[in-house]
C-alpha cells in the first residue's frame, strides 16, 4: 500500500481510500483476536489418553473430564483452510473447537491456544464431530 501511495504522490483521496480499506480489513481481525484472547485467558487444556484436564493458570484449581463425558465436538473454520487451502484474508485463519459435555459444560479451544486444531481433533476418536464453515468464526454464545 505504501509503495502504491508513493507512486500516487500520497494524494489525499488515495490516502483516504487506502486507509478505509485497511480499517475494513483490520478491525474484524483485531476484534476476533481480542475475543479469542478473552475466552481462553489464563486457561491451559491438557488432553491425555482418557481424560481432559482444564487448568487455570492464575488459580490452583483444575477440572478433570473423562472422554466418555464428551457429547459432541464442533469445529468452526473457514472453508479456505480445508485441505491446504489458502486464506484470502487474515480473518479466515481464526478458528475454534467447542467441546460439549453431557453435563452441559462447554470447553472452548481457539487457534490462539494451538494453531493446529486438527491435532486436537485427532485426540478424540469415536466422538460425534460437527463441522461448521464460516468466514467470520464468531462464538455463538
Protein backbone atom coordinates (compact mmCIF):
# COMPACT_ATOMS: atom_id res chain seq x y z
CA UNK A 1 0.00 0.00 0.00
CA UNK A 2 2.81 2.40 0.83
CA UNK A 3 4.54 1.73 -2.48
CA UNK A 4 1.31 2.39 -4.37
CA UNK A 5 0.75 5.57 -2.38
CA UNK A 6 4.31 6.68 -3.13
CA UNK A 7 3.67 6.39 -6.86
CA UNK A 8 0.36 8.21 -6.42
CA UNK A 9 2.24 11.06 -4.63
CA UNK A 10 0.38 10.45 -1.36
CA UNK A 11 -2.70 12.16 -2.73
CA UNK A 12 -5.31 12.83 -0.04
CA UNK A 13 -8.09 10.94 -1.85
CA UNK A 14 -5.92 7.84 -2.28
CA UNK A 15 -4.80 8.07 1.36
CA UNK A 16 -8.45 8.07 2.43
CA UNK A 17 -9.30 5.12 0.17
CA UNK A 18 -6.31 3.05 1.31
CA UNK A 19 -6.95 3.87 4.98
CA UNK A 20 -10.62 2.88 4.64
CA UNK A 21 -9.66 -0.44 3.04
CA UNK A 22 -7.06 -1.06 5.74
CA UNK A 23 -9.57 -0.36 8.53
CA UNK A 24 -12.20 -2.63 6.97
CA UNK A 25 -9.59 -5.37 6.63
CA UNK A 26 -8.00 -4.99 10.09
CA UNK A 27 -10.81 -4.21 12.55
CA UNK A 28 -12.63 -7.57 12.26
CA UNK A 29 -9.33 -9.39 12.75
CA UNK A 30 -8.48 -7.34 15.83
CA UNK A 31 -11.96 -7.97 17.21
CA UNK A 32 -11.66 -11.74 16.76
CA UNK A 33 -8.18 -11.80 18.24
CA UNK A 34 -9.31 -9.88 21.34
CA UNK A 35 -12.45 -12.02 21.71
CA UNK A 36 -10.47 -15.29 21.41
CA UNK A 37 -7.92 -13.97 23.91
CA UNK A 38 -10.63 -13.21 26.47
CA UNK A 39 -12.22 -16.64 26.05
CA UNK A 40 -9.01 -18.59 26.73
CA UNK A 41 -7.25 -16.12 29.03
CA UNK A 42 -5.46 -17.96 31.82
CA UNK A 43 -6.50 -21.43 30.67
CA UNK A 44 -4.42 -24.47 29.97
CA UNK A 45 -6.01 -27.56 28.46
CA UNK A 46 -4.22 -30.88 28.73
CA UNK A 47 -5.50 -33.78 26.63
CA UNK A 48 -4.38 -37.18 27.87
CA UNK A 49 -5.31 -40.72 26.84
CA UNK A 50 -8.61 -40.97 28.67
CA UNK A 51 -9.26 -37.53 30.13
CA UNK A 52 -9.30 -33.81 29.50
CA UNK A 53 -7.82 -31.52 32.16
CA UNK A 54 -8.81 -27.84 32.28
CA UNK A 55 -6.39 -25.79 34.39
CA UNK A 56 -6.50 -22.14 35.23
CA UNK A 57 -3.02 -20.62 35.45
CA UNK A 58 -3.94 -17.90 37.91
CA UNK A 59 -5.53 -20.37 40.36
CA UNK A 60 -4.60 -23.76 41.73
CA UNK A 61 -7.91 -25.41 40.84
CA UNK A 62 -8.47 -27.60 37.82
CA UNK A 63 -11.25 -29.74 36.40
CA UNK A 64 -10.86 -33.23 35.03
CA UNK A 65 -13.31 -34.59 32.45
CA UNK A 66 -13.36 -38.17 31.18
CA UNK A 67 -13.52 -38.53 27.40
CA UNK A 68 -16.71 -40.55 27.87
CA UNK A 69 -18.39 -37.36 29.13
CA UNK A 70 -17.98 -35.66 25.73
CA UNK A 71 -21.28 -35.38 23.89
CA UNK A 72 -20.04 -33.74 20.69
CA UNK A 73 -17.27 -31.58 19.26
CA UNK A 74 -17.97 -28.63 16.97
CA UNK A 75 -15.23 -27.18 14.75
CA UNK A 76 -15.78 -23.77 13.17
CA UNK A 77 -13.33 -22.72 10.50
CA UNK A 78 -13.23 -21.08 7.11
CA UNK A 79 -13.68 -23.37 4.13
CA UNK A 80 -10.50 -21.93 2.63
CA UNK A 81 -8.46 -23.71 5.34
CA UNK A 82 -9.63 -27.17 4.26
CA UNK A 83 -7.08 -29.45 2.61
CA UNK A 84 -4.27 -26.99 2.06
CA UNK A 85 -6.41 -24.06 1.02
CA UNK A 86 -5.08 -20.53 1.13
CA UNK A 87 -6.93 -17.93 3.21
CA UNK A 88 -7.67 -14.72 1.36
CA UNK A 89 -7.69 -12.56 4.47
CA UNK A 90 -6.29 -12.74 7.97
CA UNK A 91 -9.76 -13.16 9.45
CA UNK A 92 -10.09 -16.56 7.77
CA UNK A 93 -7.22 -18.01 9.81
CA UNK A 94 -9.22 -17.77 13.04
CA UNK A 95 -10.92 -20.99 14.08
CA UNK A 96 -12.14 -22.69 17.22
CA UNK A 97 -13.31 -26.00 18.68
CA UNK A 98 -16.16 -26.27 21.17
CA UNK A 99 -16.35 -29.42 23.25
CA UNK A 100 -19.84 -30.08 24.63
CA UNK A 101 -20.03 -32.34 27.68
CA UNK A 102 -23.00 -34.41 28.84
CA UNK A 103 -23.25 -32.18 31.93
CA UNK A 104 -23.90 -29.09 29.78
CA UNK A 105 -20.40 -27.69 30.35
CA UNK A 106 -18.66 -26.30 27.25
CA UNK A 107 -14.90 -26.12 26.71
CA UNK A 108 -13.60 -23.71 24.06
CA UNK A 109 -10.26 -24.19 22.32
CA UNK A 110 -9.23 -21.40 19.95
CA UNK A 111 -6.38 -21.22 17.49
CA UNK A 112 -4.65 -18.86 19.92
CA UNK A 113 -4.12 -21.84 22.23
CA UNK A 114 -2.86 -24.10 19.45
CA UNK A 115 -2.59 -23.30 15.76
CA UNK A 116 -3.13 -26.98 14.87
CA UNK A 117 -6.71 -27.73 15.87
CA UNK A 118 -6.70 -30.83 13.67
CA UNK A 119 -4.22 -32.40 16.10
CA UNK A 120 -6.66 -31.70 18.92
CA UNK A 121 -9.49 -33.35 16.99
CA UNK A 122 -7.37 -36.43 16.31
CA UNK A 123 -7.21 -36.99 20.08
CA UNK A 124 -10.98 -37.63 20.21
CA UNK A 125 -11.58 -40.70 18.06
CA UNK A 126 -15.14 -42.05 18.23
CA UNK A 127 -16.73 -38.77 19.42
CA UNK A 128 -19.55 -37.11 17.46
CA UNK A 129 -17.94 -34.41 15.30
CA UNK A 130 -19.74 -31.46 13.66
CA UNK A 131 -18.08 -29.13 11.16
CA UNK A 132 -19.33 -25.55 10.72
CA UNK A 133 -18.00 -23.42 7.90
CA UNK A 134 -17.90 -19.67 8.07
CA UNK A 135 -15.62 -16.79 7.20
CA UNK A 136 -16.25 -14.89 10.41
CA UNK A 137 -15.88 -17.58 13.11
CA UNK A 138 -17.61 -15.84 15.97
CA UNK A 139 -18.65 -17.71 19.08
CA UNK A 140 -22.39 -18.24 19.20
CA UNK A 141 -22.81 -17.68 22.91
